[in-house]
Amino acid sequence: MATTTAAQRRQQARIEYDAFIKSCPTNQLLDRISDKWVSLIVSALADAGGPMRYSDLGRKIAGVSPKMLTQTLRSLERDGILSRTVTPSVPVRVDYELTELGGSLAQLLTAVKTWAETHFDEVHEARERYDTAGT
């Protein structure tokens, strides 16, 4: 039996990733990035084209609670999607900006957001047709 190095085991695991399996890390990542708040935060940062303050993000994204905004920003920072910069001042200034990894994700999520904005009327009509036919 041949021994394998840690790097070889990691490479083999990457080959065997299957997002359809709940315990697979890619499934967990898809769960994270498909969250509504993640999509809106990443899209807002992409639209800004640079850093945004916490308060600006909170104003831009309607309906997000401070708790949910904080939790989502922390998870995105942990995943390497955005960077957080604290500037000591009174009050303290905290800026968020997409990383290179976040920028690549932003292209996809912004496209989904644009699709939703473009096709909502069609979806709404389809829902009405479905609901009418079902009664």
C-alpha atoms as a PDB file:
ATOM      1  CA  MET A   1       0.000   0.000   0.000  1.00  0.00           C
ATOM      2  CA  ALA A   2       1.529   3.269  -1.099  1.00  0.00           C
ATOM      3  CA  THR A   3       1.577   6.155   1.322  1.00  0.00           C
ATOM      4  CA  THR A   4       0.267   9.537   0.276  1.00  0.00           C
ATOM      5  CA  THR A   5       1.341  12.973   1.327  1.00  0.00           C
ATOM      6  CA  ALA A   6      -1.048  15.502   2.839  1.00  0.00           C
ATOM      7  CA  ALA A   7      -0.961  17.478  -0.415  1.00  0.00           C
ATOM      8  CA  GLN A   8      -1.913  14.376  -2.392  1.00  0.00           C
ATOM      9  CA  ARG A   9      -4.794  13.642  -0.001  1.00  0.00           C
ATOM     10  CA  ARG A  10      -6.067  17.223  -0.356  1.00  0.00           C
ATOM     11  CA  GLN A  11      -5.868  16.957  -4.137  1.00  0.00           C
ATOM     12  CA  GLN A  12      -7.791  13.668  -4.082  1.00  0.00           C
ATOM     13  CA  ALA A  13     -10.435  15.206  -1.838  1.00  0.00           C
ATOM     14  CA  ARG A  14     -10.873  18.066  -4.322  1.00  0.00           C
ATOM     15  CA  ILE A  15     -11.462  15.570  -7.099  1.00  0.00           C
ATOM     16  CA  GLU A  16     -14.051  13.788  -4.964  1.00  0.00           C
ATOM     17  CA  TYR A  17     -15.989  16.914  -3.937  1.00  0.00           C
ATOM     18  CA  ASP A  18     -19.684  16.447  -4.611  1.00  0.00           C
ATOM     19  CA  ALA A  19     -21.975  19.373  -3.779  1.00  0.00           C
ATOM     20  CA  PHE A  20     -24.986  17.034  -3.775  1.00  0.00           C
ATOM     21  CA  ILE A  21     -23.682  15.391  -0.594  1.00  0.00           C
ATOM     22  CA  LYS A  22     -24.726  17.415   2.466  1.00  0.00           C
ATOM     23  CA  SER A  23     -21.495  16.798   4.366  1.00  0.00           C
ATOM     24  CA  CYS A  24     -19.322  17.903   1.446  1.00  0.00           C
ATOM     25  CA  PRO A  25     -17.535  21.231   2.020  1.00  0.00           C
ATOM     26  CA  THR A  26     -18.709  22.468  -1.386  1.00  0.00           C
ATOM     27  CA  ASN A  27     -22.330  21.892  -0.313  1.00  0.00           C
ATOM     28  CA  GLN A  28     -21.692  23.972   2.779  1.00  0.00           C
ATOM     29  CA  LEU A  29     -20.057  26.708   0.705  1.00  0.00           C
ATOM     30  CA  LEU A  30     -23.003  26.768  -1.712  1.00  0.00           C
ATOM     31  CA  ASP A  31     -25.304  27.088   1.270  1.00  0.00           C
ATOM     32  CA  ARG A  32     -23.307  30.090   2.482  1.00  0.00           C
ATOM     33  CA  ILE A  33     -23.075  31.959  -0.820  1.00  0.00           C
ATOM     34  CA  SER A  34     -26.718  31.337  -1.753  1.00  0.00           C
ATOM     35  CA  ASP A  35     -27.888  33.292   1.292  1.00  0.00           C
ATOM     36  CA  LYS A  36     -29.919  36.391   0.400  1.00  0.00           C
ATOM     37  CA  TRP A  37     -27.823  38.697   2.582  1.00  0.00           C
ATOM     38  CA  VAL A  38     -24.562  37.386   1.130  1.00  0.00           C
ATOM     39  CA  SER A  39     -25.805  38.096  -2.392  1.00  0.00           C
ATOM     40  CA  LEU A  40     -26.900  41.611  -1.517  1.00  0.00           C
ATOM     41  CA  ILE A  41     -23.759  42.485   0.467  1.00  0.00           C
ATOM     42  CA  VAL A  42     -21.420  41.193  -2.232  1.00  0.00           C
ATOM     43  CA  SER A  43     -23.426  42.975  -4.943  1.00  0.00           C
ATOM     44  CA  ALA A  44     -23.447  46.234  -2.950  1.00  0.00           C
ATOM     45  CA  LEU A  45     -19.676  46.085  -2.480  1.00  0.00           C
ATOM     46  CA  ALA A  46     -19.189  45.297  -6.175  1.00  0.00           C
ATOM     47  CA  ASP A  47     -21.419  48.235  -7.180  1.00  0.00           C
ATOM     48  CA  ALA A  48     -19.449  50.545  -4.877  1.00  0.00           C
ATOM     49  CA  GLY A  49     -16.230  49.650  -6.668  1.00  0.00           C
ATOM     50  CA  GLY A  50     -14.299  50.146  -3.451  1.00  0.00           C
ATOM     51  CA  PRO A  51     -14.623  50.061   0.295  1.00  0.00           C
ATOM     52  CA  MET A  52     -17.934  50.701   2.038  1.00  0.00           C
ATOM     53  CA  ARG A  53     -18.559  51.566   5.645  1.00  0.00           C
ATOM     54  CA  TYR A  54     -20.724  49.347   7.815  1.00  0.00           C
ATOM     55  CA  SER A  55     -23.357  52.081   8.124  1.00  0.00           C
ATOM     56  CA  ASP A  56     -23.446  52.595   4.345  1.00  0.00           C
ATOM     57  CA  LEU A  57     -24.017  48.880   3.797  1.00  0.00           C
ATOM     58  CA  GLY A  58     -26.812  48.927   6.365  1.00  0.00           C
ATOM     59  CA  ARG A  59     -28.522  51.819   4.555  1.00  0.00           C
ATOM     60  CA  LYS A  60     -28.028  50.311   1.093  1.00  0.00           C
ATOM     61  CA  ILE A  61     -29.471  46.895   1.974  1.00  0.00           C
ATOM     62  CA  ALA A  62     -33.093  47.346   2.977  1.00  0.00           C
ATOM     63  CA  GLY A  63     -34.379  45.047   5.684  1.00  0.00           C
ATOM     64  CA  VAL A  64     -31.091  43.705   6.999  1.00  0.00           C
ATOM     65  CA  SER A  65     -30.864  43.907  10.783  1.00  0.00           C
ATOM     66  CA  PRO A  66     -27.613  45.081  12.385  1.00  0.00           C
ATOM     67  CA  LYS A  67     -27.179  41.604  13.892  1.00  0.00           C
ATOM     68  CA  MET A  68     -27.608  39.835  10.530  1.00  0.00           C
ATOM     69  CA  LEU A  69     -25.355  42.347   8.762  1.00  0.00           C
ATOM     70  CA  THR A  70     -22.624  41.819  11.357  1.00  0.00           C
ATOM     71  CA  GLN A  71     -22.924  38.008  11.240  1.00  0.00           C
ATOM     72  CA  THR A  72     -22.852  37.932   7.453  1.00  0.00           C
ATOM     73  CA  LEU A  73     -19.902  40.311   7.205  1.00  0.00           C
ATOM     74  CA  ARG A  74     -17.948  38.198   9.713  1.00  0.00           C
ATOM     75  CA  SER A  75     -18.658  34.992   7.813  1.00  0.00           C
ATOM     76  CA  LEU A  76     -17.625  36.599   4.508  1.00  0.00           C
ATOM     77  CA  GLU A  77     -14.418  37.879   6.090  1.00  0.00           C
ATOM     78  CA  ARG A  78     -13.712  34.415   7.499  1.00  0.00           C
ATOM     79  CA  ASP A  79     -14.238  32.882   4.041  1.00  0.00           C
ATOM     80  CA  GLY A  80     -11.862  35.375   2.415  1.00  0.00           C
ATOM     81  CA  ILE A  81     -14.620  37.026   0.355  1.00  0.00           C
ATOM     82  CA  LEU A  82     -14.104  40.473   1.841  1.00  0.00           C
ATOM     83  CA  SER A  83     -11.564  42.315   3.928  1.00  0.00           C
ATOM     84  CA  ARG A  84     -12.280  44.473   6.948  1.00  0.00           C
ATOM     85  CA  THR A  85     -10.212  47.555   7.723  1.00  0.00           C
ATOM     86  CA  VAL A  86     -10.497  49.364  11.042  1.00  0.00           C
ATOM     87  CA  THR A  87      -9.322  52.958  11.140  1.00  0.00           C
ATOM     88  CA  PRO A  88      -8.842  54.284  14.665  1.00  0.00           C
ATOM     89  CA  SER A  89     -10.805  57.486  14.963  1.00  0.00           C
ATOM     90  CA  VAL A  90     -13.731  58.828  16.943  1.00  0.00           C
ATOM     91  CA  PRO A  91     -15.981  57.092  16.148  1.00  0.00           C
ATOM     92  CA  VAL A  92     -14.004  54.102  14.858  1.00  0.00           C
ATOM     93  CA  ARG A  93     -14.268  53.730  11.092  1.00  0.00           C
ATOM     94  CA  VAL A  94     -14.753  50.209   9.722  1.00  0.00           C
ATOM     95  CA  ASP A  95     -14.593  49.624   5.975  1.00  0.00           C
ATOM     96  CA  TYR A  96     -15.374  46.472   4.007  1.00  0.00           C
ATOM     97  CA  GLU A  97     -14.055  45.663   0.562  1.00  0.00           C
ATOM     98  CA  LEU A  98     -14.188  42.641  -1.710  1.00  0.00           C
ATOM     99  CA  THR A  99     -11.031  40.585  -2.006  1.00  0.00           C
ATOM    100  CA  GLU A 100      -9.941  39.150  -5.339  1.00  0.00           C
ATOM    101  CA  LEU A 101     -11.838  35.979  -4.433  1.00  0.00           C
ATOM    102  CA  GLY A 102     -14.883  38.083  -3.545  1.00  0.00           C
ATOM    103  CA  GLY A 103     -14.631  39.920  -6.851  1.00  0.00           C
ATOM    104  CA  SER A 104     -14.883  36.657  -8.754  1.00  0.00           C
ATOM    105  CA  LEU A 105     -17.952  35.689  -6.708  1.00  0.00           C
ATOM    106  CA  ALA A 106     -19.443  39.164  -7.227  1.00  0.00           C
ATOM    107  CA  GLN A 107     -19.575  38.619 -10.981  1.00  0.00           C
ATOM    108  CA  LEU A 108     -21.856  35.619 -10.469  1.00  0.00           C
ATOM    109  CA  LEU A 109     -24.035  37.049  -7.710  1.00  0.00           C
ATOM    110  CA  THR A 110     -24.463  40.391  -9.473  1.00  0.00           C
ATOM    111  CA  ALA A 111     -25.571  38.499 -12.584  1.00  0.00           C
ATOM    112  CA  VAL A 112     -28.182  36.624 -10.512  1.00  0.00           C
ATOM    113  CA  LYS A 113     -29.364  39.911  -8.942  1.00  0.00           C
ATOM    114  CA  THR A 114     -29.637  41.499 -12.396  1.00  0.00           C
ATOM    115  CA  TRP A 115     -31.528  38.462 -13.696  1.00  0.00           C
ATOM    116  CA  ALA A 116     -34.020  38.759 -10.816  1.00  0.00           C
ATOM    117  CA  GLU A 117     -34.502  42.484 -11.459  1.00  0.00           C
ATOM    118  CA  THR A 118     -34.938  41.894 -15.212  1.00  0.00           C
ATOM    119  CA  HIS A 119     -37.285  38.924 -15.063  1.00  0.00           C
ATOM    120  CA  PHE A 120     -39.395  39.574 -11.989  1.00  0.00           C
ATOM    121  CA  ASP A 121     -42.424  40.656 -14.032  1.00  0.00           C
ATOM    122  CA  GLU A 122     -42.345  37.373 -15.966  1.00  0.00           C
ATOM    123  CA  VAL A 123     -42.025  35.361 -12.761  1.00  0.00           C
ATOM    124  CA  HIS A 124     -44.846  37.331 -11.169  1.00  0.00           C
ATOM    125  CA  GLU A 125     -47.111  36.639 -14.160  1.00  0.00           C
ATOM    126  CA  ALA A 126     -46.214  32.935 -14.055  1.00  0.00           C
ATOM    127  CA  ARG A 127     -47.080  32.822 -10.360  1.00  0.00           C
ATOM    128  CA  GLU A 128     -50.441  34.453 -11.020  1.00  0.00           C
ATOM    129  CA  ARG A 129     -51.195  31.976 -13.832  1.00  0.00           C
ATOM    130  CA  TYR A 130     -50.230  29.065 -11.606  1.00  0.00           C
ATOM    131  CA  ASP A 131     -52.243  30.312  -8.637  1.00  0.00           C
ATOM    132  CA  THR A 132     -55.300  30.976 -10.837  1.00  0.00           C
ATOM    133  CA  ALA A 133     -55.126  27.554 -12.450  1.00  0.00           C
ATOM    134  CA  GLY A 134     -54.790  25.871  -9.079  1.00  0.00           C
ATOM    135  CA  THR A 135     -58.051  27.272  -7.706  1.00  0.00           C
END
